[in-house]
Amino acid sequence: MPTLPKDEMETHLNMAGDDRDTWHVFSDAPVMQRKFESVGATLTRTAKDGHGKWYTLPTSQVSIRIGRKQLSDERKVELGDHMRRVRKLQEIT
């Protein structure tokens, strides 16, 4: 079974509106398949060509987060000045 080129590998997470407790996952990327298996995802079927696998995961194992905020250079300077003032006050008391 030859592997797919990286630019053709995909991973999809789906949640049906009537079952908010389960994520249905498809991946044909071996790295992602190993990750899903390592966290205990339930393998539900394998594609006939051997590339793709379908898994289910409970909602509690999937986290959707907002990325880090990008700070402007001015805000970074303000925060640095603030931390220096706080440290000086801590040294005094």
PDB file of N, CA and C in Angstrom:
ATOM      1  N   MET A   1       0.840  -1.174   0.000  1.00  0.00           N
ATOM      2  CA  MET A   1       0.000   0.000   0.000  1.00  0.00           C
ATOM      3  C   MET A   1       0.887   1.239   0.000  1.00  0.00           C
ATOM      4  N   PRO A   2       1.010   1.942  -1.106  1.00  0.00           N
ATOM      5  CA  PRO A   2       1.807   3.168  -1.133  1.00  0.00           C
ATOM      6  C   PRO A   2       1.101   4.281  -0.362  1.00  0.00           C
ATOM      7  N   THR A   3       1.894   5.151   0.250  1.00  0.00           N
ATOM      8  CA  THR A   3       1.297   6.246   1.013  1.00  0.00           C
ATOM      9  C   THR A   3       0.945   7.402   0.087  1.00  0.00           C
ATOM     10  N   LEU A   4       0.005   8.204   0.531  1.00  0.00           N
ATOM     11  CA  LEU A   4      -0.403   9.386  -0.230  1.00  0.00           C
ATOM     12  C   LEU A   4       0.634  10.483  -0.073  1.00  0.00           C
ATOM     13  N   PRO A   5       0.753  11.374  -1.050  1.00  0.00           N
ATOM     14  CA  PRO A   5       1.611  12.545  -0.861  1.00  0.00           C
ATOM     15  C   PRO A   5       1.021  13.425   0.250  1.00  0.00           C
ATOM     16  N   LYS A   6       1.877  14.137   0.976  1.00  0.00           N
ATOM     17  CA  LYS A   6       1.412  14.942   2.106  1.00  0.00           C
ATOM     18  C   LYS A   6       0.334  15.952   1.705  1.00  0.00           C
ATOM     19  N   ASP A   7       0.447  16.534   0.522  1.00  0.00           N
ATOM     20  CA  ASP A   7      -0.537  17.538   0.128  1.00  0.00           C
ATOM     21  C   ASP A   7      -1.901  16.932  -0.217  1.00  0.00           C
ATOM     22  N   GLU A   8      -2.008  15.607  -0.223  1.00  0.00           N
ATOM     23  CA  GLU A   8      -3.286  14.951  -0.472  1.00  0.00           C
ATOM     24  C   GLU A   8      -3.882  14.329   0.791  1.00  0.00           C
ATOM     25  N   MET A   9      -3.141  14.344   1.898  1.00  0.00           N
ATOM     26  CA  MET A   9      -3.646  13.786   3.151  1.00  0.00           C
ATOM     27  C   MET A   9      -4.601  14.767   3.814  1.00  0.00           C
ATOM     28  N   GLU A  10      -5.679  14.229   4.385  1.00  0.00           N
ATOM     29  CA  GLU A  10      -6.688  15.072   5.018  1.00  0.00           C
ATOM     30  C   GLU A  10      -7.140  14.471   6.339  1.00  0.00           C
ATOM     31  N   THR A  11      -7.626  15.349   7.215  1.00  0.00           N
ATOM     32  CA  THR A  11      -8.245  14.940   8.463  1.00  0.00           C
ATOM     33  C   THR A  11      -9.490  15.789   8.640  1.00  0.00           C
ATOM     34  N   HIS A  12     -10.611  15.155   8.909  1.00  0.00           N
ATOM     35  CA  HIS A  12     -11.890  15.853   9.065  1.00  0.00           C
ATOM     36  C   HIS A  12     -12.508  15.497  10.404  1.00  0.00           C
ATOM     37  N   LEU A  13     -12.991  16.508  11.123  1.00  0.00           N
ATOM     38  CA  LEU A  13     -13.749  16.303  12.351  1.00  0.00           C
ATOM     39  C   LEU A  13     -15.168  16.776  12.086  1.00  0.00           C
ATOM     40  N   ASN A  14     -16.147  15.938  12.386  1.00  0.00           N
ATOM     41  CA  ASN A  14     -17.552  16.263  12.137  1.00  0.00           C
ATOM     42  C   ASN A  14     -18.382  15.959  13.375  1.00  0.00           C
ATOM     43  N   MET A  15     -19.358  16.823  13.618  1.00  0.00           N
ATOM     44  CA  MET A  15     -20.305  16.584  14.696  1.00  0.00           C
ATOM     45  C   MET A  15     -21.703  16.777  14.127  1.00  0.00           C
ATOM     46  N   ALA A  16     -22.546  15.802  14.305  1.00  0.00           N
ATOM     47  CA  ALA A  16     -23.913  15.895  13.817  1.00  0.00           C
ATOM     48  C   ALA A  16     -24.755  16.717  14.795  1.00  0.00           C
ATOM     49  N   GLY A  17     -25.737  17.430  14.280  1.00  0.00           N
ATOM     50  CA  GLY A  17     -26.577  18.277  15.116  1.00  0.00           C
ATOM     51  C   GLY A  17     -27.391  17.509  16.135  1.00  0.00           C
ATOM     52  N   ASP A  18     -27.710  16.256  15.842  1.00  0.00           N
ATOM     53  CA  ASP A  18     -28.538  15.483  16.763  1.00  0.00           C
ATOM     54  C   ASP A  18     -27.717  14.661  17.764  1.00  0.00           C
ATOM     55  N   ASP A  19     -26.390  14.703  17.670  1.00  0.00           N
ATOM     56  CA  ASP A  19     -25.531  13.974  18.616  1.00  0.00           C
ATOM     57  C   ASP A  19     -24.335  14.848  18.972  1.00  0.00           C
ATOM     58  N   ARG A  20     -24.521  15.720  19.932  1.00  0.00           N
ATOM     59  CA  ARG A  20     -23.459  16.655  20.329  1.00  0.00           C
ATOM     60  C   ARG A  20     -22.461  16.027  21.302  1.00  0.00           C
ATOM     61  N   ASP A  21     -22.587  14.750  21.565  1.00  0.00           N
ATOM     62  CA  ASP A  21     -21.689  14.063  22.499  1.00  0.00           C
ATOM     63  C   ASP A  21     -20.539  13.350  21.790  1.00  0.00           C
ATOM     64  N   THR A  22     -20.583  13.274  20.463  1.00  0.00           N
ATOM     65  CA  THR A  22     -19.600  12.478  19.734  1.00  0.00           C
ATOM     66  C   THR A  22     -19.068  13.237  18.526  1.00  0.00           C
ATOM     67  N   TRP A  23     -17.752  13.177  18.368  1.00  0.00           N
ATOM     68  CA  TRP A  23     -17.106  13.680  17.147  1.00  0.00           C
ATOM     69  C   TRP A  23     -16.809  12.476  16.265  1.00  0.00           C
ATOM     70  N   HIS A  24     -17.084  12.613  14.972  1.00  0.00           N
ATOM     71  CA  HIS A  24     -16.759  11.595  13.984  1.00  0.00           C
ATOM     72  C   HIS A  24     -15.558  12.114  13.210  1.00  0.00           C
ATOM     73  N   VAL A  25     -14.525  11.305  13.131  1.00  0.00           N
ATOM     74  CA  VAL A  25     -13.255  11.745  12.570  1.00  0.00           C
ATOM     75  C   VAL A  25     -12.853  10.832  11.415  1.00  0.00           C
ATOM     76  N   PHE A  26     -12.382  11.441  10.331  1.00  0.00           N
ATOM     77  CA  PHE A  26     -11.778  10.692   9.236  1.00  0.00           C
ATOM     78  C   PHE A  26     -10.374  11.225   9.036  1.00  0.00           C
ATOM     79  N   SER A  27      -9.413  10.335   8.820  1.00  0.00           N
ATOM     80  CA  SER A  27      -8.062  10.775   8.486  1.00  0.00           C
ATOM     81  C   SER A  27      -7.385   9.734   7.605  1.00  0.00           C
ATOM     82  N   ASP A  28      -6.667  10.242   6.612  1.00  0.00           N
ATOM     83  CA  ASP A  28      -5.824   9.350   5.825  1.00  0.00           C
ATOM     84  C   ASP A  28      -4.350   9.712   6.021  1.00  0.00           C
ATOM     85  N   ALA A  29      -4.082  10.509   7.065  1.00  0.00           N
ATOM     86  CA  ALA A  29      -2.709  10.887   7.412  1.00  0.00           C
ATOM     87  C   ALA A  29      -2.221   9.975   8.540  1.00  0.00           C
ATOM     88  N   PRO A  30      -1.184   9.169   8.282  1.00  0.00           N
ATOM     89  CA  PRO A  30      -0.704   8.234   9.297  1.00  0.00           C
ATOM     90  C   PRO A  30      -0.336   8.900  10.634  1.00  0.00           C
ATOM     91  N   VAL A  31       0.226  10.111  10.584  1.00  0.00           N
ATOM     92  CA  VAL A  31       0.592  10.813  11.821  1.00  0.00           C
ATOM     93  C   VAL A  31      -0.653  11.080  12.662  1.00  0.00           C
ATOM     94  N   MET A  32      -1.707  11.563  12.024  1.00  0.00           N
ATOM     95  CA  MET A  32      -2.943  11.861  12.747  1.00  0.00           C
ATOM     96  C   MET A  32      -3.627  10.576  13.218  1.00  0.00           C
ATOM     97  N   GLN A  33      -3.562   9.531  12.409  1.00  0.00           N
ATOM     98  CA  GLN A  33      -4.152   8.259  12.839  1.00  0.00           C
ATOM     99  C   GLN A  33      -3.489   7.773  14.124  1.00  0.00           C
ATOM    100  N   ARG A  34      -2.159   7.883  14.191  1.00  0.00           N
ATOM    101  CA  ARG A  34      -1.455   7.468  15.415  1.00  0.00           C
ATOM    102  C   ARG A  34      -1.859   8.331  16.598  1.00  0.00           C
ATOM    103  N   LYS A  35      -2.044   9.634  16.359  1.00  0.00           N
ATOM    104  CA  LYS A  35      -2.469  10.525  17.446  1.00  0.00           C
ATOM    105  C   LYS A  35      -3.847  10.138  17.956  1.00  0.00           C
ATOM    106  N   PHE A  36      -4.782   9.896  17.040  1.00  0.00           N
ATOM    107  CA  PHE A  36      -6.123   9.504  17.466  1.00  0.00           C
ATOM    108  C   PHE A  36      -6.095   8.192  18.231  1.00  0.00           C
ATOM    109  N   GLU A  37      -5.309   7.254  17.761  1.00  0.00           N
ATOM    110  CA  GLU A  37      -5.213   5.964  18.450  1.00  0.00           C
ATOM    111  C   GLU A  37      -4.562   6.117  19.821  1.00  0.00           C
ATOM    112  N   SER A  38      -3.591   7.035  19.938  1.00  0.00           N
ATOM    113  CA  SER A  38      -2.902   7.207  21.219  1.00  0.00           C
ATOM    114  C   SER A  38      -3.800   7.842  22.278  1.00  0.00           C
ATOM    115  N   VAL A  39      -4.816   8.613  21.865  1.00  0.00           N
ATOM    116  CA  VAL A  39      -5.719   9.215  22.847  1.00  0.00           C
ATOM    117  C   VAL A  39      -6.950   8.352  23.087  1.00  0.00           C
ATOM    118  N   GLY A  40      -6.997   7.186  22.473  1.00  0.00           N
ATOM    119  CA  GLY A  40      -8.078   6.243  22.747  1.00  0.00           C
ATOM    120  C   GLY A  40      -9.298   6.409  21.871  1.00  0.00           C
ATOM    121  N   ALA A  41      -9.153   7.023  20.694  1.00  0.00           N
ATOM    122  CA  ALA A  41     -10.284   7.132  19.770  1.00  0.00           C
ATOM    123  C   ALA A  41     -10.714   5.730  19.347  1.00  0.00           C
ATOM    124  N   THR A  42     -11.999   5.558  19.153  1.00  0.00           N
ATOM    125  CA  THR A  42     -12.534   4.260  18.747  1.00  0.00           C
ATOM    126  C   THR A  42     -12.503   4.150  17.229  1.00  0.00           C
ATOM    127  N   LEU A  43     -11.778   3.171  16.717  1.00  0.00           N
ATOM    128  CA  LEU A  43     -11.724   2.925  15.276  1.00  0.00           C
ATOM    129  C   LEU A  43     -13.050   2.304  14.868  1.00  0.00           C
ATOM    130  N   THR A  44     -13.746   2.936  13.909  1.00  0.00           N
ATOM    131  CA  THR A  44     -15.045   2.408  13.486  1.00  0.00           C
ATOM    132  C   THR A  44     -14.983   1.693  12.139  1.00  0.00           C
ATOM    133  N   ARG A  45     -14.076   2.130  11.270  1.00  0.00           N
ATOM    134  CA  ARG A  45     -13.886   1.392  10.010  1.00  0.00           C
ATOM    135  C   ARG A  45     -12.613   1.860   9.318  1.00  0.00           C
ATOM    136  N   THR A  46     -12.164   1.059   8.362  1.00  0.00           N
ATOM    137  CA  THR A  46     -10.967   1.356   7.578  1.00  0.00           C
ATOM    138  C   THR A  46     -11.343   1.353   6.109  1.00  0.00           C
ATOM    139  N   ALA A  47     -10.787   2.284   5.355  1.00  0.00           N
ATOM    140  CA  ALA A  47     -11.075   2.359   3.914  1.00  0.00           C
ATOM    141  C   ALA A  47     -10.545   1.123   3.199  1.00  0.00           C
ATOM    142  N   LYS A  48     -11.190   0.775   2.126  1.00  0.00           N
ATOM    143  CA  LYS A  48     -10.776  -0.403   1.349  1.00  0.00           C
ATOM    144  C   LYS A  48      -9.363  -0.266   0.807  1.00  0.00           C
ATOM    145  N   ASP A  49      -8.970   0.963   0.468  1.00  0.00           N
ATOM    146  CA  ASP A  49      -7.617   1.153  -0.062  1.00  0.00           C
ATOM    147  C   ASP A  49      -6.566   1.152   1.047  1.00  0.00           C
ATOM    148  N   GLY A  50      -6.992   1.098   2.298  1.00  0.00           N
ATOM    149  CA  GLY A  50      -6.070   1.024   3.428  1.00  0.00           C
ATOM    150  C   GLY A  50      -5.527   2.351   3.904  1.00  0.00           C
ATOM    151  N   HIS A  51      -5.847   3.451   3.218  1.00  0.00           N
ATOM    152  CA  HIS A  51      -5.321   4.755   3.619  1.00  0.00           C
ATOM    153  C   HIS A  51      -6.140   5.387   4.738  1.00  0.00           C
ATOM    154  N   GLY A  52      -7.433   5.486   4.526  1.00  0.00           N
ATOM    155  CA  GLY A  52      -8.275   6.229   5.450  1.00  0.00           C
ATOM    156  C   GLY A  52      -8.830   5.381   6.580  1.00  0.00           C
ATOM    157  N   LYS A  53      -9.013   6.042   7.729  1.00  0.00           N
ATOM    158  CA  LYS A  53      -9.632   5.394   8.882  1.00  0.00           C
ATOM    159  C   LYS A  53     -10.649   6.356   9.482  1.00  0.00           C
ATOM    160  N   TRP A  54     -11.735   5.796   9.988  1.00  0.00           N
ATOM    161  CA  TRP A  54     -12.762   6.567  10.655  1.00  0.00           C
ATOM    162  C   TRP A  54     -12.733   6.230  12.139  1.00  0.00           C
ATOM    163  N   TYR A  55     -12.890   7.255  12.960  1.00  0.00           N
ATOM    164  CA  TYR A  55     -12.863   7.100  14.411  1.00  0.00           C
ATOM    165  C   TYR A  55     -14.035   7.863  15.021  1.00  0.00           C
ATOM    166  N   THR A  56     -14.316   7.556  16.271  1.00  0.00           N
ATOM    167  CA  THR A  56     -15.215   8.400  17.056  1.00  0.00           C
ATOM    168  C   THR A  56     -14.484   8.816  18.319  1.00  0.00           C
ATOM    169  N   LEU A  57     -14.775  10.032  18.754  1.00  0.00           N
ATOM    170  CA  LEU A  57     -14.202  10.587  19.977  1.00  0.00           C
ATOM    171  C   LEU A  57     -15.316  11.239  20.783  1.00  0.00           C
ATOM    172  N   PRO A  58     -15.303  11.084  22.104  1.00  0.00           N
ATOM    173  CA  PRO A  58     -16.284  11.822  22.904  1.00  0.00           C
ATOM    174  C   PRO A  58     -15.958  13.317  22.874  1.00  0.00           C
ATOM    175  N   THR A  59     -16.964  14.135  23.000  1.00  0.00           N
ATOM    176  CA  THR A  59     -16.797  15.587  22.965  1.00  0.00           C
ATOM    177  C   THR A  59     -15.774  16.061  23.985  1.00  0.00           C
ATOM    178  N   SER A  60     -15.673  15.394  25.103  1.00  0.00           N
ATOM    179  CA  SER A  60     -14.746  15.813  26.160  1.00  0.00           C
ATOM    180  C   SER A  60     -13.282  15.719  25.732  1.00  0.00           C
ATOM    181  N   GLN A  61     -12.991  15.013  24.648  1.00  0.00           N
ATOM    182  CA  GLN A  61     -11.609  14.866  24.194  1.00  0.00           C
ATOM    183  C   GLN A  61     -11.227  15.838  23.087  1.00  0.00           C
ATOM    184  N   VAL A  62     -12.156  16.695  22.681  1.00  0.00           N
ATOM    185  CA  VAL A  62     -11.865  17.664  21.623  1.00  0.00           C
ATOM    186  C   VAL A  62     -12.003  19.059  22.205  1.00  0.00           C
ATOM    187  N   SER A  63     -10.988  19.870  22.009  1.00  0.00           N
ATOM    188  CA  SER A  63     -10.985  21.234  22.519  1.00  0.00           C
ATOM    189  C   SER A  63     -10.770  22.202  21.363  1.00  0.00           C
ATOM    190  N   ILE A  64     -11.651  23.178  21.249  1.00  0.00           N
ATOM    191  CA  ILE A  64     -11.514  24.202  20.224  1.00  0.00           C
ATOM    192  C   ILE A  64     -11.162  25.492  20.939  1.00  0.00           C
ATOM    193  N   ARG A  65      -9.999  26.040  20.616  1.00  0.00           N
ATOM    194  CA  ARG A  65      -9.495  27.207  21.333  1.00  0.00           C
ATOM    195  C   ARG A  65      -9.215  28.362  20.379  1.00  0.00           C
ATOM    196  N   ILE A  66      -9.214  29.547  20.958  1.00  0.00           N
ATOM    197  CA  ILE A  66      -8.815  30.742  20.220  1.00  0.00           C
ATOM    198  C   ILE A  66      -7.301  30.836  20.331  1.00  0.00           C
ATOM    199  N   GLY A  67      -6.639  31.182  19.250  1.00  0.00           N
ATOM    200  CA  GLY A  67      -5.182  31.291  19.265  1.00  0.00           C
ATOM    201  C   GLY A  67      -4.695  32.441  20.133  1.00  0.00           C
ATOM    202  N   ARG A  68      -3.397  32.553  20.272  1.00  0.00           N
ATOM    203  CA  ARG A  68      -2.802  33.625  21.058  1.00  0.00           C
ATOM    204  C   ARG A  68      -3.084  34.975  20.426  1.00  0.00           C
ATOM    205  N   LYS A  69      -3.281  35.959  21.289  1.00  0.00           N
ATOM    206  CA  LYS A  69      -3.473  37.320  20.808  1.00  0.00           C
ATOM    207  C   LYS A  69      -2.148  37.878  20.315  1.00  0.00           C
ATOM    208  N   GLN A  70      -2.194  38.618  19.243  1.00  0.00           N
ATOM    209  CA  GLN A  70      -1.006  39.277  18.716  1.00  0.00           C
ATOM    210  C   GLN A  70      -0.925  40.663  19.341  1.00  0.00           C
ATOM    211  N   LEU A  71       0.153  40.930  20.070  1.00  0.00           N
ATOM    212  CA  LEU A  71       0.326  42.224  20.716  1.00  0.00           C
ATOM    213  C   LEU A  71       1.128  43.156  19.814  1.00  0.00           C
ATOM    214  N   SER A  72       0.724  44.422  19.820  1.00  0.00           N
ATOM    215  CA  SER A  72       1.489  45.419  19.067  1.00  0.00           C
ATOM    216  C   SER A  72       2.784  45.693  19.820  1.00  0.00           C
ATOM    217  N   ASP A  73       3.758  46.272  19.126  1.00  0.00           N
ATOM    218  CA  ASP A  73       5.027  46.621  19.767  1.00  0.00           C
ATOM    219  C   ASP A  73       4.804  47.601  20.914  1.00  0.00           C
ATOM    220  N   GLU A  74       3.868  48.564  20.725  1.00  0.00           N
ATOM    221  CA  GLU A  74       3.578  49.530  21.790  1.00  0.00           C
ATOM    222  C   GLU A  74       3.029  48.844  23.031  1.00  0.00           C
ATOM    223  N   ARG A  75       2.124  47.869  22.821  1.00  0.00           N
ATOM    224  CA  ARG A  75       1.527  47.166  23.966  1.00  0.00           C
ATOM    225  C   ARG A  75       2.589  46.339  24.689  1.00  0.00           C
ATOM    226  N   LYS A  76       3.499  45.744  23.948  1.00  0.00           N
ATOM    227  CA  LYS A  76       4.586  44.978  24.573  1.00  0.00           C
ATOM    228  C   LYS A  76       5.440  45.877  25.454  1.00  0.00           C
ATOM    229  N   VAL A  77       5.732  47.102  24.978  1.00  0.00           N
ATOM    230  CA  VAL A  77       6.523  48.052  25.767  1.00  0.00           C
ATOM    231  C   VAL A  77       5.745  48.437  27.029  1.00  0.00           C
ATOM    232  N   GLU A  78       4.431  48.704  26.886  1.00  0.00           N
ATOM    233  CA  GLU A  78       3.603  49.054  28.051  1.00  0.00           C
ATOM    234  C   GLU A  78       3.626  47.941  29.087  1.00  0.00           C
ATOM    235  N   LEU A  79       3.455  46.709  28.649  1.00  0.00           N
ATOM    236  CA  LEU A  79       3.436  45.582  29.584  1.00  0.00           C
ATOM    237  C   LEU A  79       4.795  45.391  30.247  1.00  0.00           C
ATOM    238  N   GLY A  80       5.874  45.589  29.480  1.00  0.00           N
ATOM    239  CA  GLY A  80       7.212  45.485  30.058  1.00  0.00           C
ATOM    240  C   GLY A  80       7.440  46.537  31.118  1.00  0.00           C
ATOM    241  N   ASP A  81       7.025  47.806  30.849  1.00  0.00           N
ATOM    242  CA  ASP A  81       7.154  48.881  31.833  1.00  0.00           C
ATOM    243  C   ASP A  81       6.340  48.565  33.081  1.00  0.00           C
ATOM    244  N   HIS A  82       5.148  48.058  32.878  1.00  0.00           N
ATOM    245  CA  HIS A  82       4.289  47.696  34.013  1.00  0.00           C
ATOM    246  C   HIS A  82       4.952  46.625  34.883  1.00  0.00           C
ATOM    247  N   MET A  83       5.491  45.596  34.269  1.00  0.00           N
ATOM    248  CA  MET A  83       6.130  44.522  35.039  1.00  0.00           C
ATOM    249  C   MET A  83       7.352  45.033  35.790  1.00  0.00           C
ATOM    250  N   ARG A  84       8.121  45.943  35.197  1.00  0.00           N
ATOM    251  CA  ARG A  84       9.273  46.513  35.896  1.00  0.00           C
ATOM    252  C   ARG A  84       8.830  47.305  37.117  1.00  0.00           C
ATOM    253  N   ARG A  85       7.729  48.081  36.996  1.00  0.00           N
ATOM    254  CA  ARG A  85       7.210  48.838  38.144  1.00  0.00           C
ATOM    255  C   ARG A  85       6.733  47.900  39.250  1.00  0.00           C
ATOM    256  N   VAL A  86       6.048  46.819  38.863  1.00  0.00           N
ATOM    257  CA  VAL A  86       5.555  45.852  39.848  1.00  0.00           C
ATOM    258  C   VAL A  86       6.729  45.205  40.582  1.00  0.00           C
ATOM    259  N   ARG A  87       7.769  44.835  39.878  1.00  0.00           N
ATOM    260  CA  ARG A  87       8.941  44.209  40.515  1.00  0.00           C
ATOM    261  C   ARG A  87       9.625  45.166  41.478  1.00  0.00           C
ATOM    262  N   LYS A  88       9.722  46.457  41.100  1.00  0.00           N
ATOM    263  CA  LYS A  88      10.331  47.444  42.006  1.00  0.00           C
ATOM    264  C   LYS A  88       9.510  47.574  43.275  1.00  0.00           C
ATOM    265  N   LEU A  89       8.177  47.588  43.145  1.00  0.00           N
ATOM    266  CA  LEU A  89       7.321  47.685  44.322  1.00  0.00           C
ATOM    267  C   LEU A  89       7.471  46.456  45.212  1.00  0.00           C
ATOM    268  N   GLN A  90       7.642  45.293  44.619  1.00  0.00           N
ATOM    269  CA  GLN A  90       7.813  44.070  45.404  1.00  0.00           C
ATOM    270  C   GLN A  90       9.131  44.092  46.160  1.00  0.00           C
ATOM    271  N   GLU A  91      10.161  44.695  45.575  1.00  0.00           N
ATOM    272  CA  GLU A  91      11.461  44.779  46.259  1.00  0.00           C
ATOM    273  C   GLU A  91      11.385  45.722  47.457  1.00  0.00           C
ATOM    274  N   ILE A  92      10.595  46.778  47.357  1.00  0.00           N
ATOM    275  CA  ILE A  92      10.462  47.770  48.424  1.00  0.00           C
ATOM    276  C   ILE A  92       9.747  47.183  49.629  1.00  0.00           C
ATOM    277  N   THR A  93       8.706  46.409  49.408  1.00  0.00           N
ATOM    278  CA  THR A  93       7.926  45.881  50.543  1.00  0.00           C
ATOM    279  C   THR A  93       8.456  44.609  51.093  1.00  0.00           C
TER     280      THR A  93
END
